[in-house]
Amino acid sequence: MVFSSLFFLYFFLPLCVICYAATKKMHYRNMVLLIFSLAFYAWGEPLCVFLLIISAAVNFMLGLVIDKNKGKIGSKIAVTTAVVFDIAILGVFKYSGFIVENINAVTGLDIAVPQIRLPIGISFFTFQMISYIIDCHWEKVEVQKSYPKFLMYVSLFPQLVAGPIVRYSTIESEISSRKTTTDDLYCGISRLAVGLGKKVIIANNLSTVVTSLFDGELSNISVVGTWLGAALYALQIYFDFSGYSDMAIGLGRIFGFHFDENFNYPFICKDVSEFWQRWHISLSSFFRDYLLYVPIFGKRRKYGGLFLVWFCTGLWHGASWNFVIWGLYFGLFIFIEQKIGKKKMKRIPIVLRHIYNKIVIIIGFGIFYFEDIGRLGEFFKNLVGLNGNGFIDEFTKLSFTNNIYLILAALVCSFPIAKHIGNLAKKTAVTNYALEVSKIAINMALILVSSIMLVDATNNPFLYFRF
């Protein structure tokens, strides 16, 4: 089940809200969310829901062991066991085929490659449990003593299948005590509408353009067409994933949860380091807090930790070498920026900094797109015309002109222009009433247009479902 479906929007969600509102005690409200969350996951993964339940049970019990052995060796054993268990589960389901393929390629063996279906959202809920276990060991959070409450935290449907990675500390108090205010409802529905519009109106349509440019013979696409495809794919990924995050945050608000932001207008960044402070914030902060300072060969190594983080960031996104290359590619530019230093970076003219980082970002998302290494090599050649392709072709011109309004809308919406207009309106003679009426009208329009576009939609998955 996906958020951007008519079934979810007009049946599942209203039914969940009605059942939730019909109960008054927090215990029953949590049970409603737990039941609906498990049903939400089982809708597309009927067997994998048992993996989720069992993984949560193992981490819950090891959390209790940590609580009983604070400051003792038992706590270290429990946290190590939990992390190894979680990574092993992730490794088996997500990376076993990739590992066997590479063993066969290196050794010449012919080991049967396991065909294991990847459970949706396993990377997200596994990292949530790891963060919980480590934070319990570090005594940053209180150990949850109720398994149903812990399972609800892990399986909470707004963020279950594609994040953001919600740490236990973020909603620790809200699990047992929360309330939904009028402001929560308004803000939640507004974020839901905006996220839906990002996904259905912008991301889905950008996907059609990108596919037309990149899914055929690459040598037929010109240099300009290659750059256009990579740039539009970067925008597609942004609107797809930030749209999901907006919907997840909005749904959380409707039920009284306040999730952290996952995107903060990343394309306004002045350098690559800043881009990753604004893009997929929950993943970046996870690796920063739990992996960056891990001792390598007995010592904390600044740059060794940096490249370890970016290797893992790439590998987290998928069992393919292009994702590893993608992670290390961004890690390399962050390393270069750190060596230059913040003060020297700021001396570079702002225009040049923007041009530099946008080129790096666009090429980066081209790497992200091509999982086939051979086609990735063709992509690199295409960027500079080494495939014998021309500078520009008629198909690229047609793709651009036919989608000019979509591209302009994507560019405008990727910057905080609407936010600035709203802030400006508050400072002028525009009344709060008129401003709120305008927001409501826009939200209703987004929901209406998105719903109409979903009527004929046959396949509407979020890209990050596969990670």
Protein backbone atom coordinates (compact mmCIF):
# COMPACT_ATOMS: atom_id res chain seq x y z
CA MET A 1 0.00 0.00 0.00
CA VAL A 2 1.27 3.48 -0.80
CA PHE A 3 0.23 6.89 0.49
CA SER A 4 -0.29 8.14 -3.06
CA SER A 5 -3.18 5.78 -3.79
CA LEU A 6 -6.90 6.45 -3.76
CA PHE A 7 -7.48 3.41 -1.53
CA PHE A 8 -5.15 4.78 1.14
CA LEU A 9 -6.39 8.37 0.91
CA TYR A 10 -10.11 7.69 0.83
CA PHE A 11 -10.52 4.42 2.75
CA PHE A 12 -7.57 3.27 4.86
CA LEU A 13 -6.62 6.65 6.34
CA PRO A 14 -10.19 7.87 7.10
CA LEU A 15 -11.02 4.50 8.71
CA CYS A 16 -7.85 4.67 10.84
CA VAL A 17 -8.60 8.25 11.91
CA ILE A 18 -12.21 7.36 12.81
CA CYS A 19 -11.15 4.36 14.91
CA TYR A 20 -8.39 6.41 16.54
CA ALA A 21 -10.73 9.31 17.39
CA ALA A 22 -13.40 6.92 18.70
CA THR A 23 -11.06 5.77 21.47
CA LYS A 24 -10.07 8.00 24.36
CA LYS A 25 -7.45 6.11 26.36
CA MET A 26 -3.91 6.21 25.02
CA HIS A 27 -3.55 2.44 25.41
CA TYR A 28 -6.39 1.82 22.96
CA ARG A 29 -5.21 4.53 20.59
CA ASN A 30 -1.80 2.88 20.45
CA MET A 31 -3.46 -0.46 19.75
CA VAL A 32 -5.43 1.11 16.88
CA LEU A 33 -2.21 2.47 15.36
CA LEU A 34 -0.45 -0.86 15.89
CA ILE A 35 -3.21 -2.87 14.20
CA PHE A 36 -3.51 -0.48 11.28
CA SER A 37 0.29 -0.29 10.91
CA LEU A 38 0.66 -4.06 10.73
CA ALA A 39 -2.26 -4.22 8.29
CA PHE A 40 -0.63 -1.48 6.20
CA TYR A 41 2.63 -3.44 5.98
CA ALA A 42 0.95 -6.82 5.48
CA TRP A 43 -1.05 -5.37 2.57
CA GLY A 44 1.99 -5.63 0.33
CA GLU A 45 4.21 -7.92 2.44
CA PRO A 46 1.93 -10.54 4.14
CA LEU A 47 4.80 -12.85 5.10
CA CYS A 48 7.45 -10.22 5.78
CA VAL A 49 5.30 -8.74 8.53
CA PHE A 50 6.43 -11.71 10.65
CA LEU A 51 10.06 -10.70 10.08
CA LEU A 52 9.19 -7.23 11.36
CA ILE A 53 7.45 -8.65 14.46
CA ILE A 54 10.27 -11.09 15.25
CA SER A 55 13.02 -8.49 14.73
CA ALA A 56 11.19 -6.09 17.01
CA ALA A 57 10.79 -8.83 19.65
CA VAL A 58 14.52 -9.65 19.62
CA ASN A 59 15.51 -5.97 19.95
CA PHE A 60 12.88 -5.41 22.65
CA MET A 61 14.21 -8.27 24.77
CA LEU A 62 17.83 -7.25 24.30
CA GLY A 63 16.81 -3.72 25.33
CA LEU A 64 15.54 -5.18 28.61
CA VAL A 65 18.87 -6.98 29.07
CA ILE A 66 20.69 -3.69 28.55
CA ASP A 67 18.45 -2.05 31.16
CA LYS A 68 19.22 -4.74 33.74
CA ASN A 69 22.97 -4.55 33.13
CA LYS A 70 23.66 -0.81 32.93
CA GLY A 71 27.39 -0.13 33.08
CA LYS A 72 28.17 -3.86 33.08
CA ILE A 73 29.60 -6.26 30.54
CA GLY A 74 26.12 -7.70 30.02
CA SER A 75 25.01 -4.41 28.46
CA LYS A 76 27.89 -4.47 25.97
CA ILE A 77 27.14 -8.08 25.05
CA ALA A 78 23.46 -7.27 24.55
CA VAL A 79 24.06 -4.20 22.37
CA THR A 80 26.64 -6.09 20.30
CA THR A 81 24.25 -9.02 19.87
CA ALA A 82 21.42 -6.72 18.81
CA VAL A 83 23.49 -4.78 16.27
CA VAL A 84 24.98 -7.98 14.80
CA PHE A 85 21.50 -9.53 14.60
CA ASP A 86 20.01 -6.47 12.88
CA ILE A 87 22.86 -6.13 10.39
CA ALA A 88 22.74 -9.89 9.70
CA ILE A 89 19.01 -9.73 8.94
CA LEU A 90 19.61 -6.75 6.64
CA GLY A 91 22.56 -8.54 5.03
CA VAL A 92 20.65 -11.75 4.32
CA PHE A 93 17.59 -10.09 2.81
CA LYS A 94 19.27 -7.17 1.04
CA TYR A 95 22.85 -8.13 0.22
CA SER A 96 23.16 -11.93 0.03
CA GLY A 97 22.58 -12.01 -3.74
CA PHE A 98 25.02 -9.14 -4.30
CA ILE A 99 27.71 -10.85 -2.20
CA VAL A 100 27.35 -14.19 -4.00
CA GLU A 101 27.41 -12.50 -7.43
CA ASN A 102 30.69 -10.78 -6.56
CA ILE A 103 32.21 -13.97 -5.14
CA ASN A 104 31.35 -15.74 -8.40
CA ALA A 105 32.82 -12.86 -10.44
CA VAL A 106 36.11 -12.81 -8.48
CA THR A 107 36.67 -16.55 -7.99
CA GLY A 108 35.05 -17.96 -11.12
CA LEU A 109 32.78 -20.14 -9.01
CA ASP A 110 29.18 -20.85 -9.94
CA ILE A 111 27.41 -20.57 -6.60
CA ALA A 112 23.65 -20.30 -6.95
CA VAL A 113 22.59 -16.70 -6.37
CA PRO A 114 19.84 -16.57 -3.72
CA GLN A 115 16.64 -14.99 -4.97
CA ILE A 116 15.31 -13.38 -1.80
CA ARG A 117 12.59 -10.79 -2.09
CA LEU A 118 13.57 -7.55 -0.35
CA PRO A 119 11.07 -6.66 2.39
CA ILE A 120 9.82 -3.11 1.87
CA GLY A 121 11.30 -0.62 4.32
CA ILE A 122 13.76 -3.06 5.92
CA SER A 123 16.60 -0.51 5.76
CA PHE A 124 14.48 2.05 7.62
CA PHE A 125 13.01 -0.03 10.44
CA THR A 126 16.31 -1.89 10.97
CA PHE A 127 18.17 1.40 11.47
CA GLN A 128 15.45 2.59 13.85
CA MET A 129 15.97 -0.47 16.04
CA ILE A 130 19.76 -0.08 15.92
CA SER A 131 19.49 3.55 17.01
CA TYR A 132 17.15 2.53 19.86
CA ILE A 133 19.49 -0.19 21.11
CA ILE A 134 22.60 2.00 21.01
CA ASP A 135 20.80 4.92 22.68
CA CYS A 136 19.63 2.55 25.44
CA HIS A 137 23.22 1.42 25.94
CA TRP A 138 24.42 5.04 26.03
CA GLU A 139 21.54 5.80 28.44
CA LYS A 140 20.19 8.52 26.19
CA VAL A 141 16.68 7.03 26.38
CA GLU A 142 14.73 4.94 28.85
CA VAL A 143 14.25 1.32 27.83
CA GLN A 144 10.69 0.63 26.66
CA LYS A 145 9.12 -1.97 29.00
CA SER A 146 6.03 -2.64 26.86
CA TYR A 147 6.46 -4.77 23.74
CA PRO A 148 3.21 -3.52 22.08
CA LYS A 149 4.42 0.07 22.49
CA PHE A 150 7.84 -0.80 21.09
CA LEU A 151 6.29 -2.66 18.18
CA MET A 152 4.05 0.31 17.48
CA TYR A 153 7.12 2.58 17.39
CA VAL A 154 8.91 0.28 14.93
CA SER A 155 5.87 -0.39 12.72
CA LEU A 156 4.19 3.04 12.81
CA PHE A 157 2.79 3.19 9.29
CA PRO A 158 3.47 6.87 8.45
CA GLN A 159 7.23 6.24 8.44
CA LEU A 160 7.49 2.46 8.24
CA VAL A 161 8.32 1.76 4.59
CA ALA A 162 10.31 4.80 3.44
CA GLY A 163 11.27 6.84 6.47
CA PRO A 164 12.28 9.25 7.70
CA ILE A 165 14.36 7.23 10.17
CA VAL A 166 12.53 8.27 13.35
CA ARG A 167 14.70 7.79 16.41
CA TYR A 168 13.06 6.55 19.58
CA SER A 169 14.27 9.65 21.44
CA THR A 170 12.24 11.86 19.07
CA ILE A 171 8.88 10.39 20.06
CA GLU A 172 9.75 8.69 23.36
CA SER A 173 7.38 10.79 25.45
CA GLU A 174 4.66 10.87 22.78
CA ILE A 175 4.28 7.10 22.72
CA SER A 176 2.62 7.14 26.13
CA SER A 177 1.29 10.69 26.27
CA ARG A 178 0.24 12.86 23.36
CA LYS A 179 -2.69 14.80 22.04
CA THR A 180 -3.71 16.07 18.65
CA THR A 181 -4.47 19.78 18.65
CA THR A 182 -6.35 21.73 16.00
CA ASP A 183 -3.00 23.10 14.86
CA ASP A 184 -1.65 19.54 14.55
CA LEU A 185 -4.60 18.56 12.36
CA TYR A 186 -4.27 21.62 10.15
CA CYS A 187 -0.49 21.33 9.77
CA GLY A 188 -0.72 17.57 9.28
CA ILE A 189 -3.32 17.77 6.50
CA SER A 190 -1.38 20.62 4.88
CA ARG A 191 1.89 18.63 4.83
CA LEU A 192 -0.01 15.61 3.52
CA ALA A 193 -1.45 17.68 0.65
CA VAL A 194 1.93 19.21 -0.23
CA GLY A 195 3.67 15.84 -0.16
CA LEU A 196 0.97 14.28 -2.30
CA GLY A 197 1.31 17.09 -4.84
CA LYS A 198 5.10 16.71 -4.93
CA LYS A 199 4.80 13.01 -5.64
CA VAL A 200 1.84 12.80 -8.01
CA ILE A 201 1.98 16.10 -9.89
CA ILE A 202 5.73 16.66 -10.14
CA ALA A 203 7.75 13.48 -9.45
CA ASN A 204 5.57 11.11 -11.47
CA ASN A 205 5.62 13.40 -14.50
CA LEU A 206 9.36 14.01 -14.24
CA SER A 207 9.78 10.23 -14.17
CA THR A 208 8.20 9.97 -17.62
CA VAL A 209 10.67 12.48 -19.07
CA VAL A 210 13.71 10.87 -17.42
CA THR A 211 12.68 7.41 -18.61
CA SER A 212 12.28 8.65 -22.19
CA LEU A 213 15.82 10.05 -22.08
CA PHE A 214 17.68 7.33 -20.20
CA ASP A 215 15.96 3.99 -20.78
CA GLY A 216 16.81 3.69 -24.47
CA GLU A 217 20.12 3.58 -26.30
CA LEU A 218 22.30 6.15 -24.51
CA SER A 219 24.47 6.86 -27.53
CA ASN A 220 21.39 8.30 -29.24
CA ILE A 221 21.09 11.01 -26.58
CA SER A 222 23.16 14.17 -26.98
CA VAL A 223 25.42 15.80 -24.41
CA VAL A 224 22.68 18.28 -23.48
CA GLY A 225 20.13 15.46 -23.30
CA THR A 226 22.37 13.52 -20.90
CA TRP A 227 22.81 16.51 -18.60
CA LEU A 228 19.09 17.28 -18.80
CA GLY A 229 18.17 13.69 -17.89
CA ALA A 230 20.50 13.64 -14.88
CA ALA A 231 19.28 17.05 -13.66
CA LEU A 232 15.64 16.03 -13.99
CA TYR A 233 16.34 12.75 -12.21
CA ALA A 234 17.86 14.68 -9.29
CA LEU A 235 14.65 16.72 -9.15
CA GLN A 236 12.51 13.59 -9.49
CA ILE A 237 14.29 11.88 -6.58
CA TYR A 238 13.91 15.03 -4.49
CA PHE A 239 10.18 15.46 -5.09
CA ASP A 240 9.53 11.74 -4.76
CA PHE A 241 11.35 11.25 -1.47
CA SER A 242 10.71 14.65 0.11
CA GLY A 243 7.07 14.21 -0.93
CA TYR A 244 6.93 10.93 0.98
CA SER A 245 8.67 12.53 3.97
CA ASP A 246 6.17 15.42 3.95
CA MET A 247 3.30 12.95 3.92
CA ALA A 248 4.88 10.90 6.71
CA ILE A 249 5.46 13.99 8.87
CA GLY A 250 1.93 15.20 8.14
CA LEU A 251 0.37 11.84 9.05
CA GLY A 252 2.43 11.79 12.23
CA ARG A 253 1.07 15.21 13.20
CA ILE A 254 -2.50 14.01 12.66
CA PHE A 255 -1.91 11.34 15.32
CA GLY A 256 0.03 13.64 17.65
CA PHE A 257 3.60 12.65 16.73
CA HIS A 258 6.22 15.24 15.82
CA PHE A 259 8.83 13.70 13.52
CA ASP A 260 12.02 15.55 12.65
CA GLU A 261 12.38 17.16 9.24
CA ASN A 262 14.09 15.05 6.58
CA PHE A 263 14.69 17.67 3.86
CA ASN A 264 15.48 21.37 4.04
CA TYR A 265 15.57 22.73 0.47
CA PRO A 266 18.85 20.95 -0.40
CA PHE A 267 19.31 22.64 -3.79
CA ILE A 268 19.95 26.03 -2.20
CA CYS A 269 23.22 24.63 -0.84
CA LYS A 270 26.46 26.50 -1.46
CA ASP A 271 28.66 23.40 -1.35
CA VAL A 272 28.37 19.62 -1.28
CA SER A 273 28.76 19.37 2.50
CA GLU A 274 25.78 21.66 2.98
CA PHE A 275 23.76 19.63 0.47
CA TRP A 276 24.07 16.60 2.72
CA GLN A 277 23.10 18.63 5.76
CA ARG A 278 19.83 19.34 3.96
CA TRP A 279 19.17 16.05 2.08
CA HIS A 280 17.83 12.89 3.78
CA ILE A 281 18.77 14.40 7.12
CA SER A 282 17.67 11.37 9.17
CA LEU A 283 20.11 9.06 7.34
CA SER A 284 23.00 11.55 7.33
CA SER A 285 22.62 12.20 11.06
CA PHE A 286 22.34 8.45 11.77
CA PHE A 287 25.71 7.69 10.18
CA ARG A 288 27.23 10.82 11.72
CA ASP A 289 26.15 9.88 15.25
CA TYR A 290 26.65 6.11 15.17
CA LEU A 291 29.40 5.43 12.63
CA LEU A 292 31.61 8.48 11.98
CA TYR A 293 33.58 8.15 15.22
CA VAL A 294 33.86 4.37 15.27
CA PRO A 295 37.51 3.42 16.00
CA ILE A 296 39.23 2.04 12.88
CA PHE A 297 42.15 -0.26 13.74
CA GLY A 298 41.92 0.90 17.35
CA LYS A 299 41.83 4.66 16.72
CA ARG A 300 39.32 7.28 15.72
CA ARG A 301 40.41 8.36 12.28
CA LYS A 302 38.78 11.49 10.90
CA TYR A 303 39.05 10.77 7.21
CA GLY A 304 38.87 7.00 7.57
CA GLY A 305 35.57 7.47 9.39
CA LEU A 306 34.41 9.87 6.69
CA PHE A 307 34.93 7.38 3.86
CA LEU A 308 33.48 4.54 5.95
CA VAL A 309 30.33 6.64 6.40
CA TRP A 310 30.04 7.35 2.69
CA PHE A 311 30.76 3.76 1.70
CA CYS A 312 27.94 2.66 4.02
CA THR A 313 25.67 5.48 2.82
CA GLY A 314 26.05 4.27 -0.74
CA LEU A 315 25.65 0.59 0.15
CA TRP A 316 22.58 1.36 2.30
CA HIS A 317 20.78 2.58 -0.82
CA GLY A 318 21.12 -0.68 -2.69
CA ALA A 319 23.05 -3.88 -3.41
CA SER A 320 24.80 -2.55 -6.50
CA TRP A 321 28.24 -1.09 -7.15
CA ASN A 322 26.84 2.12 -8.61
CA PHE A 323 25.44 3.01 -5.17
CA VAL A 324 28.84 2.40 -3.55
CA ILE A 325 30.49 4.57 -6.24
CA TRP A 326 27.79 7.20 -5.65
CA GLY A 327 28.47 7.27 -1.90
CA LEU A 328 32.25 7.43 -2.25
CA TYR A 329 31.89 10.06 -4.99
CA PHE A 330 30.10 12.43 -2.61
CA GLY A 331 32.47 11.44 0.20
CA LEU A 332 35.42 12.48 -1.98
CA PHE A 333 34.04 15.99 -2.54
CA ILE A 334 33.21 16.40 1.15
CA PHE A 335 36.79 15.29 1.93
CA ILE A 336 38.14 17.90 -0.52
CA GLU A 337 35.98 20.62 1.02
CA GLN A 338 37.16 19.68 4.50
CA LYS A 339 40.79 19.86 3.38
CA ILE A 340 40.20 23.27 1.83
CA GLY A 341 38.49 24.45 5.00
CA LYS A 342 35.31 26.45 5.62
CA LYS A 343 37.05 29.83 5.63
CA LYS A 344 38.73 29.31 2.26
CA MET A 345 35.53 27.85 0.78
CA LYS A 346 33.67 31.04 1.77
CA ARG A 347 36.24 33.15 -0.11
CA ILE A 348 35.27 31.49 -3.39
CA PRO A 349 32.68 33.63 -5.25
CA ILE A 350 29.19 32.40 -4.41
CA VAL A 351 28.25 32.01 -8.09
CA LEU A 352 31.19 29.67 -8.69
CA ARG A 353 30.33 27.66 -5.57
CA HIS A 354 26.75 27.20 -6.79
CA ILE A 355 27.88 26.14 -10.28
CA TYR A 356 30.43 23.72 -8.83
CA ASN A 357 28.09 21.98 -6.42
CA LYS A 358 25.18 21.73 -8.88
CA ILE A 359 27.47 20.04 -11.43
CA VAL A 360 28.66 17.61 -8.75
CA ILE A 361 25.08 16.89 -7.62
CA ILE A 362 23.75 16.35 -11.16
CA ILE A 363 26.55 13.92 -12.06
CA GLY A 364 26.03 12.22 -8.70
CA PHE A 365 22.40 11.44 -9.41
CA GLY A 366 23.35 10.18 -12.85
CA ILE A 367 25.56 7.66 -11.06
CA PHE A 368 22.62 6.84 -8.81
CA TYR A 369 20.35 6.09 -11.78
CA PHE A 370 22.48 3.56 -13.68
CA GLU A 371 22.80 0.31 -11.74
CA ASP A 372 24.32 -1.40 -14.79
CA ILE A 373 28.04 -0.50 -14.70
CA GLY A 374 28.32 -0.72 -18.49
CA ARG A 375 25.53 1.82 -18.96
CA LEU A 376 27.07 3.95 -16.21
CA GLY A 377 30.28 4.07 -18.27
CA GLU A 378 28.25 5.14 -21.30
CA PHE A 379 26.65 7.86 -19.18
CA PHE A 380 30.06 9.28 -18.26
CA LYS A 381 31.11 9.28 -21.91
CA ASN A 382 27.84 10.90 -22.91
CA LEU A 383 28.44 13.80 -20.52
CA VAL A 384 31.35 14.97 -22.67
CA GLY A 385 30.36 13.54 -26.07
CA LEU A 386 32.81 10.63 -26.15
CA ASN A 387 30.14 8.25 -27.45
CA GLY A 388 30.05 10.14 -30.72
CA ASN A 389 26.82 11.79 -29.68
CA GLY A 390 26.24 15.38 -30.71
CA PHE A 391 25.95 18.40 -28.49
CA ILE A 392 22.15 18.60 -28.76
CA ASP A 393 19.50 16.60 -30.59
CA GLU A 394 15.90 17.15 -31.69
CA PHE A 395 14.47 14.68 -29.18
CA THR A 396 16.09 16.59 -26.30
CA LYS A 397 14.75 19.89 -27.65
CA LEU A 398 11.29 18.38 -27.92
CA SER A 399 11.47 16.85 -24.42
CA PHE A 400 12.47 20.20 -22.97
CA THR A 401 9.93 22.36 -24.81
CA ASN A 402 7.04 19.92 -24.23
CA ASN A 403 7.77 19.86 -20.50
CA ILE A 404 8.94 23.43 -19.95
CA TYR A 405 6.15 24.25 -17.49
CA LEU A 406 6.75 21.06 -15.52
CA ILE A 407 10.48 21.79 -15.34
CA LEU A 408 9.89 25.40 -14.29
CA ALA A 409 7.40 24.28 -11.63
CA ALA A 410 9.93 21.74 -10.30
CA LEU A 411 12.69 24.34 -10.16
CA VAL A 412 10.48 26.92 -8.43
CA CYS A 413 9.14 24.40 -5.90
CA SER A 414 12.63 23.10 -5.08
CA PHE A 415 13.51 26.50 -3.62
CA PRO A 416 11.82 28.16 -0.61
CA ILE A 417 10.03 30.73 -2.75
CA ALA A 418 6.55 29.92 -1.40
CA LYS A 419 7.92 30.08 2.13
CA HIS A 420 9.37 33.54 1.51
CA ILE A 421 6.14 34.74 -0.07
CA GLY A 422 4.21 33.55 3.00
CA ASN A 423 6.64 35.30 5.36
CA LEU A 424 6.43 38.47 3.26
CA ALA A 425 2.63 38.34 3.28
CA LYS A 426 2.63 38.18 7.08
CA LYS A 427 4.67 41.38 7.23
CA THR A 428 2.42 43.27 4.82
CA ALA A 429 -1.22 44.29 4.96
CA VAL A 430 -2.39 40.79 4.06
CA THR A 431 -4.49 39.52 6.95
CA ASN A 432 -3.83 36.19 8.59
CA TYR A 433 -7.36 35.18 7.65
CA ALA A 434 -6.75 35.79 3.95
CA LEU A 435 -3.43 33.97 4.16
CA GLU A 436 -4.98 30.93 5.82
CA VAL A 437 -7.84 30.85 3.33
CA SER A 438 -5.29 30.89 0.51
CA LYS A 439 -3.37 28.01 2.08
CA ILE A 440 -6.54 25.96 2.49
CA ALA A 441 -7.52 26.63 -1.13
CA ILE A 442 -4.08 25.55 -2.36
CA ASN A 443 -4.16 22.39 -0.23
CA MET A 444 -7.61 21.46 -1.52
CA ALA A 445 -6.47 22.08 -5.09
CA LEU A 446 -3.41 19.86 -4.60
CA ILE A 447 -5.51 17.02 -3.21
CA LEU A 448 -8.13 17.38 -5.95
CA VAL A 449 -5.64 17.51 -8.84
CA SER A 450 -3.59 14.65 -7.38
CA SER A 451 -6.71 12.53 -6.90
CA ILE A 452 -7.78 13.10 -10.50
CA MET A 453 -4.31 12.14 -11.73
CA LEU A 454 -4.37 8.99 -9.58
CA VAL A 455 -7.58 7.71 -11.18
CA ASP A 456 -5.72 6.38 -14.22
CA ALA A 457 -2.43 5.64 -12.47
CA THR A 458 -1.43 1.98 -12.73
CA ASN A 459 1.95 1.96 -10.98
CA ASN A 460 2.78 4.64 -8.48
CA PRO A 461 5.54 3.44 -6.14
CA PHE A 462 7.85 5.73 -4.19
CA LEU A 463 11.45 5.29 -5.36
CA TYR A 464 12.76 4.76 -1.85
CA PHE A 465 10.54 1.70 -1.34
CA ARG A 466 13.32 -0.35 -2.93
CA PHE A 467 15.90 0.82 -0.40
